[in-house]
Structure formats: C-alpha cells, structure tokens
Amino acid sequence: MKQIPLTQGQVALVDDWRYEELNQWKWHAHWDEGTKSFYAVRKEWPSQRTIQMHRHIMNTPRDMECDHQDHNTLNNQEYNLRNVTHSQNQLNRRVRFDNKLGQRCISQQRNGYRVRIFREHKEVFCKTFGSLDDAILARDEAIKKYHGEFAYL
C-alpha cells in the first residue's frame, strides 16, 4: 500500500501497483457534506470535469456507484472498492449524524424499540422489542439475512 498526498493534510491509500499511474495527476481532498468525509478528486482539462479517484480505479460505469466497503473514503485500494447499484450502496451506509439512538433501522416507541428493515423499497422485517439490546440483536440478524454481503452492522 502507498499513500498519495492530497490537500488539507489528507492522504489517499492506493495499491502499490497503481501508485505510478495515479501519482501522475495532482489529487485534492474534497469534503462531502452529505457523507461527512473526504474523497480524492482531480480536475480533467480542458473540460474541468471532476474525476473521483475511486471511480477511476474501478472504471465505474455512469449508471453505477463505487462503494468503499470499510467506509474509509480515502482507502482506494481495490480490495476495498466495488461497483454497486444505488440501492446496494444505501445498504452499506453509516448511521446518519442526526440519529438520536445512534442505531440504523431502530426507532424508539412508547412500548419499546421498533426494528424496520427495507429491501428495494419494501419492508421485509418489522418487529418491536422491549429493550434496545434485544432490538440490536434482532436487527443485526435481519440485516445479515436481507442485505447479505452489503450488510453494515
């Protein structure tokens, strides 16, 4: 693994064999407010089009997204990247910063904690539990079952 320096004191991690190819350009650290994380990007001249390093590495088609499996958006080693649909990418997202419980798929109810799991816009699991610990255990099992390789616990 090698590091490519970016602006704002950041570095991108890349595979050794990709280093020379990627280091021929000046890469910048771009802060994404939506994901609250940095991405390695460069400008393509003369069009001024923004190229994201992870999409470049994976040659991601326009109708797909490139997912960082470990959620480190500056870890652009191939083992950590995969081309996915938007729906698959949403399965692997982190907990929203405004989530009061700090838990995905769980909401607090008057009589306990409700777990709701969706797959392709359809509810596939819904159950209420008396304790948060029981809800987390059930949620984790349901996510493994319904989200498969994209499960993020």
C-alpha atoms as a PDB file:
ATOM      1  CA  MET A   1       0.000   0.000   0.000  1.00  0.00           C
ATOM      2  CA  LYS A   2       1.219   3.500  -0.892  1.00  0.00           C
ATOM      3  CA  GLN A   3      -0.014   6.949   0.008  1.00  0.00           C
ATOM      4  CA  ILE A   4      -0.806   9.775  -2.396  1.00  0.00           C
ATOM      5  CA  PRO A   5      -0.728  13.190  -0.702  1.00  0.00           C
ATOM      6  CA  LEU A   6      -3.838  15.337  -1.040  1.00  0.00           C
ATOM      7  CA  THR A   7      -4.682  18.871   0.022  1.00  0.00           C
ATOM      8  CA  GLN A   8      -5.972  19.704   3.520  1.00  0.00           C
ATOM      9  CA  GLY A   9      -3.441  17.350   5.120  1.00  0.00           C
ATOM     10  CA  GLN A  10      -5.155  14.217   3.791  1.00  0.00           C
ATOM     11  CA  VAL A  11      -3.697  11.155   2.018  1.00  0.00           C
ATOM     12  CA  ALA A  12      -5.285   8.562  -0.253  1.00  0.00           C
ATOM     13  CA  LEU A  13      -4.312   4.904   0.167  1.00  0.00           C
ATOM     14  CA  VAL A  14      -3.717   3.027  -3.096  1.00  0.00           C
ATOM     15  CA  ASP A  15      -2.340  -0.327  -4.191  1.00  0.00           C
ATOM     16  CA  ASP A  16       1.413  -0.359  -4.864  1.00  0.00           C
ATOM     17  CA  TRP A  17       0.950  -1.333  -8.493  1.00  0.00           C
ATOM     18  CA  ARG A  18      -1.451   1.631  -9.084  1.00  0.00           C
ATOM     19  CA  TYR A  19       0.776   4.262  -7.495  1.00  0.00           C
ATOM     20  CA  GLU A  20       2.701   5.397 -10.605  1.00  0.00           C
ATOM     21  CA  GLU A  21      -0.460   5.583 -12.715  1.00  0.00           C
ATOM     22  CA  LEU A  22      -2.377   7.641 -10.133  1.00  0.00           C
ATOM     23  CA  ASN A  23       0.505   9.829  -8.974  1.00  0.00           C
ATOM     24  CA  GLN A  24       0.840  11.424 -12.428  1.00  0.00           C
ATOM     25  CA  TRP A  25      -2.037  13.777 -11.510  1.00  0.00           C
ATOM     26  CA  LYS A  26      -2.493  16.342  -8.743  1.00  0.00           C
ATOM     27  CA  TRP A  27      -5.232  14.995  -6.457  1.00  0.00           C
ATOM     28  CA  HIS A  28      -7.206  17.108  -3.986  1.00  0.00           C
ATOM     29  CA  ALA A  29      -9.140  16.299  -0.827  1.00  0.00           C
ATOM     30  CA  HIS A  30     -12.801  17.174  -1.398  1.00  0.00           C
ATOM     31  CA  TRP A  31     -15.075  17.355   1.669  1.00  0.00           C
ATOM     32  CA  ASP A  32     -18.525  15.913   1.047  1.00  0.00           C
ATOM     33  CA  GLU A  33     -21.089  17.376   3.423  1.00  0.00           C
ATOM     34  CA  GLY A  34     -23.584  14.569   2.747  1.00  0.00           C
ATOM     35  CA  THR A  35     -21.267  11.748   3.825  1.00  0.00           C
ATOM     36  CA  LYS A  36     -19.187  13.880   6.206  1.00  0.00           C
ATOM     37  CA  SER A  37     -15.976  12.545   4.671  1.00  0.00           C
ATOM     38  CA  PHE A  38     -13.153  13.395   2.269  1.00  0.00           C
ATOM     39  CA  TYR A  39     -12.768  11.993  -1.255  1.00  0.00           C
ATOM     40  CA  ALA A  40      -9.708  12.121  -3.524  1.00  0.00           C
ATOM     41  CA  VAL A  41     -10.585  14.068  -6.687  1.00  0.00           C
ATOM     42  CA  ARG A  42      -8.872  15.780  -9.618  1.00  0.00           C
ATOM     43  CA  LYS A  43      -9.944  18.049 -12.461  1.00  0.00           C
ATOM     44  CA  GLU A  44      -9.804  16.897 -16.066  1.00  0.00           C
ATOM     45  CA  TRP A  45      -8.622  19.568 -18.504  1.00  0.00           C
ATOM     46  CA  PRO A  46      -9.889  21.359 -20.512  1.00  0.00           C
ATOM     47  CA  SER A  47     -13.451  20.285 -19.603  1.00  0.00           C
ATOM     48  CA  GLN A  48     -12.998  20.985 -15.851  1.00  0.00           C
ATOM     49  CA  ARG A  49     -14.843  17.718 -15.173  1.00  0.00           C
ATOM     50  CA  THR A  50     -14.250  16.300 -11.662  1.00  0.00           C
ATOM     51  CA  ILE A  51     -12.768  12.789 -11.575  1.00  0.00           C
ATOM     52  CA  GLN A  52     -13.066  10.812  -8.347  1.00  0.00           C
ATOM     53  CA  MET A  53     -10.104   8.521  -7.676  1.00  0.00           C
ATOM     54  CA  HIS A  54     -12.179   5.542  -6.522  1.00  0.00           C
ATOM     55  CA  ARG A  55     -14.391   5.675  -9.654  1.00  0.00           C
ATOM     56  CA  HIS A  56     -11.281   5.975 -11.845  1.00  0.00           C
ATOM     57  CA  ILE A  57      -9.668   2.933 -10.218  1.00  0.00           C
ATOM     58  CA  MET A  58     -12.770   0.759 -10.618  1.00  0.00           C
ATOM     59  CA  ASN A  59     -13.740   2.189 -14.034  1.00  0.00           C
ATOM     60  CA  THR A  60     -17.222   2.661 -12.611  1.00  0.00           C
ATOM     61  CA  PRO A  61     -19.969   2.927 -15.258  1.00  0.00           C
ATOM     62  CA  ARG A  62     -22.038   6.138 -15.205  1.00  0.00           C
ATOM     63  CA  ASP A  63     -25.185   4.319 -14.045  1.00  0.00           C
ATOM     64  CA  MET A  64     -23.432   2.739 -11.043  1.00  0.00           C
ATOM     65  CA  GLU A  65     -21.736   3.880  -7.851  1.00  0.00           C
ATOM     66  CA  CYS A  66     -18.429   2.880  -6.276  1.00  0.00           C
ATOM     67  CA  ASP A  67     -18.668   1.696  -2.670  1.00  0.00           C
ATOM     68  CA  HIS A  68     -15.918   1.829  -0.030  1.00  0.00           C
ATOM     69  CA  GLN A  69     -16.571  -1.357   1.935  1.00  0.00           C
ATOM     70  CA  ASP A  70     -14.780  -0.177   5.098  1.00  0.00           C
ATOM     71  CA  HIS A  71     -16.343   3.340   4.937  1.00  0.00           C
ATOM     72  CA  ASN A  72     -12.891   4.957   4.741  1.00  0.00           C
ATOM     73  CA  THR A  73     -13.442   7.085   1.630  1.00  0.00           C
ATOM     74  CA  LEU A  74      -9.697   7.697   1.246  1.00  0.00           C
ATOM     75  CA  ASN A  75      -8.868   3.964   1.232  1.00  0.00           C
ATOM     76  CA  ASN A  76      -8.821   3.430  -2.529  1.00  0.00           C
ATOM     77  CA  GLN A  77      -7.190   0.008  -2.571  1.00  0.00           C
ATOM     78  CA  GLU A  78      -9.011  -2.364  -4.902  1.00  0.00           C
ATOM     79  CA  TYR A  79      -9.925  -4.863  -2.166  1.00  0.00           C
ATOM     80  CA  ASN A  80     -11.953  -2.080  -0.514  1.00  0.00           C
ATOM     81  CA  LEU A  81     -13.845  -0.917  -3.615  1.00  0.00           C
ATOM     82  CA  ARG A  82     -16.765  -2.424  -5.510  1.00  0.00           C
ATOM     83  CA  ASN A  83     -19.120  -1.190  -8.221  1.00  0.00           C
ATOM     84  CA  VAL A  84     -22.692  -1.288  -6.942  1.00  0.00           C
ATOM     85  CA  THR A  85     -26.168  -0.020  -7.699  1.00  0.00           C
ATOM     86  CA  HIS A  86     -27.516   2.939  -5.732  1.00  0.00           C
ATOM     87  CA  SER A  87     -29.752   0.576  -3.747  1.00  0.00           C
ATOM     88  CA  GLN A  88     -26.801  -1.654  -2.806  1.00  0.00           C
ATOM     89  CA  ASN A  89     -24.744   1.375  -1.805  1.00  0.00           C
ATOM     90  CA  GLN A  90     -27.506   2.549   0.540  1.00  0.00           C
ATOM     91  CA  LEU A  91     -27.418  -0.797   2.351  1.00  0.00           C
ATOM     92  CA  ASN A  92     -23.794  -0.136   3.338  1.00  0.00           C
ATOM     93  CA  ARG A  93     -24.220   3.441   4.571  1.00  0.00           C
ATOM     94  CA  ARG A  94     -23.252   4.655   8.028  1.00  0.00           C
ATOM     95  CA  VAL A  95     -25.617   5.892  10.732  1.00  0.00           C
ATOM     96  CA  ARG A  96     -26.885   9.406   9.994  1.00  0.00           C
ATOM     97  CA  PHE A  97     -25.281  12.104  12.135  1.00  0.00           C
ATOM     98  CA  ASP A  98     -28.705  13.265  13.386  1.00  0.00           C
ATOM     99  CA  ASN A  99     -29.801   9.791  14.546  1.00  0.00           C
ATOM    100  CA  LYS A 100     -30.721  10.147  18.235  1.00  0.00           C
ATOM    101  CA  LEU A 101     -30.285   6.452  19.111  1.00  0.00           C
ATOM    102  CA  GLY A 102     -27.111   6.041  17.076  1.00  0.00           C
ATOM    103  CA  GLN A 103     -28.605   2.858  15.556  1.00  0.00           C
ATOM    104  CA  ARG A 104     -29.718   2.188  11.987  1.00  0.00           C
ATOM    105  CA  CYS A 105     -33.183   0.718  11.383  1.00  0.00           C
ATOM    106  CA  ILE A 106     -34.285   1.171  15.022  1.00  0.00           C
ATOM    107  CA  SER A 107     -36.722   3.743  16.358  1.00  0.00           C
ATOM    108  CA  GLN A 108     -37.882   4.322  19.908  1.00  0.00           C
ATOM    109  CA  GLN A 109     -41.584   3.721  20.539  1.00  0.00           C
ATOM    110  CA  ARG A 110     -43.692   4.166  23.672  1.00  0.00           C
ATOM    111  CA  ASN A 111     -43.680   0.415  24.286  1.00  0.00           C
ATOM    112  CA  GLY A 112     -40.077  -0.347  23.266  1.00  0.00           C
ATOM    113  CA  TYR A 113     -37.867  -0.249  20.215  1.00  0.00           C
ATOM    114  CA  ARG A 114     -39.095  -0.993  16.689  1.00  0.00           C
ATOM    115  CA  VAL A 115     -36.818  -2.567  14.097  1.00  0.00           C
ATOM    116  CA  ARG A 116     -37.737  -1.987  10.443  1.00  0.00           C
ATOM    117  CA  ILE A 117     -35.679  -3.410   7.578  1.00  0.00           C
ATOM    118  CA  PHE A 118     -36.325  -2.452   3.967  1.00  0.00           C
ATOM    119  CA  ARG A 119     -35.059  -4.092   0.803  1.00  0.00           C
ATOM    120  CA  GLU A 120     -35.632  -2.359  -2.549  1.00  0.00           C
ATOM    121  CA  HIS A 121     -38.256  -0.009  -1.048  1.00  0.00           C
ATOM    122  CA  LYS A 122     -40.252  -2.860   0.534  1.00  0.00           C
ATOM    123  CA  GLU A 123     -40.475  -3.569   4.237  1.00  0.00           C
ATOM    124  CA  VAL A 124     -39.124  -7.081   4.821  1.00  0.00           C
ATOM    125  CA  PHE A 125     -38.871  -7.051   8.629  1.00  0.00           C
ATOM    126  CA  CYS A 126     -40.805  -5.139  11.317  1.00  0.00           C
ATOM    127  CA  LYS A 127     -40.926  -6.053  14.994  1.00  0.00           C
ATOM    128  CA  THR A 128     -40.960  -4.259  18.353  1.00  0.00           C
ATOM    129  CA  PHE A 129     -38.703  -5.234  21.267  1.00  0.00           C
ATOM    130  CA  GLY A 130     -38.756  -4.326  24.955  1.00  0.00           C
ATOM    131  CA  SER A 131     -35.076  -3.423  25.172  1.00  0.00           C
ATOM    132  CA  LEU A 132     -32.602  -1.716  22.882  1.00  0.00           C
ATOM    133  CA  ASP A 133     -30.170  -4.646  23.243  1.00  0.00           C
ATOM    134  CA  ASP A 134     -32.808  -7.121  22.010  1.00  0.00           C
ATOM    135  CA  ALA A 135     -33.665  -4.793  19.127  1.00  0.00           C
ATOM    136  CA  ILE A 136     -29.993  -4.501  18.114  1.00  0.00           C
ATOM    137  CA  LEU A 137     -29.524  -8.296  18.138  1.00  0.00           C
ATOM    138  CA  ALA A 138     -32.650  -8.840  16.037  1.00  0.00           C
ATOM    139  CA  ARG A 139     -31.694  -6.008  13.672  1.00  0.00           C
ATOM    140  CA  ASP A 140     -28.215  -7.452  13.120  1.00  0.00           C
ATOM    141  CA  GLU A 141     -29.619 -10.894  12.281  1.00  0.00           C
ATOM    142  CA  ALA A 142     -32.238  -9.422   9.935  1.00  0.00           C
ATOM    143  CA  ILE A 143     -29.679  -7.203   8.179  1.00  0.00           C
ATOM    144  CA  LYS A 144     -27.374 -10.186   7.624  1.00  0.00           C
ATOM    145  CA  LYS A 145     -30.307 -12.153   6.207  1.00  0.00           C
ATOM    146  CA  TYR A 146     -31.756  -9.467   3.921  1.00  0.00           C
ATOM    147  CA  HIS A 147     -28.697  -7.393   2.986  1.00  0.00           C
ATOM    148  CA  GLY A 148     -26.188 -10.227   2.530  1.00  0.00           C
ATOM    149  CA  GLU A 149     -22.713  -9.072   1.509  1.00  0.00           C
ATOM    150  CA  PHE A 150     -23.798  -5.420   1.831  1.00  0.00           C
ATOM    151  CA  ALA A 151     -24.803  -5.766   5.486  1.00  0.00           C
ATOM    152  CA  TYR A 152     -23.394  -2.999   7.672  1.00  0.00           C
ATOM    153  CA  LEU A 153     -23.778  -3.560  11.396  1.00  0.00           C
END
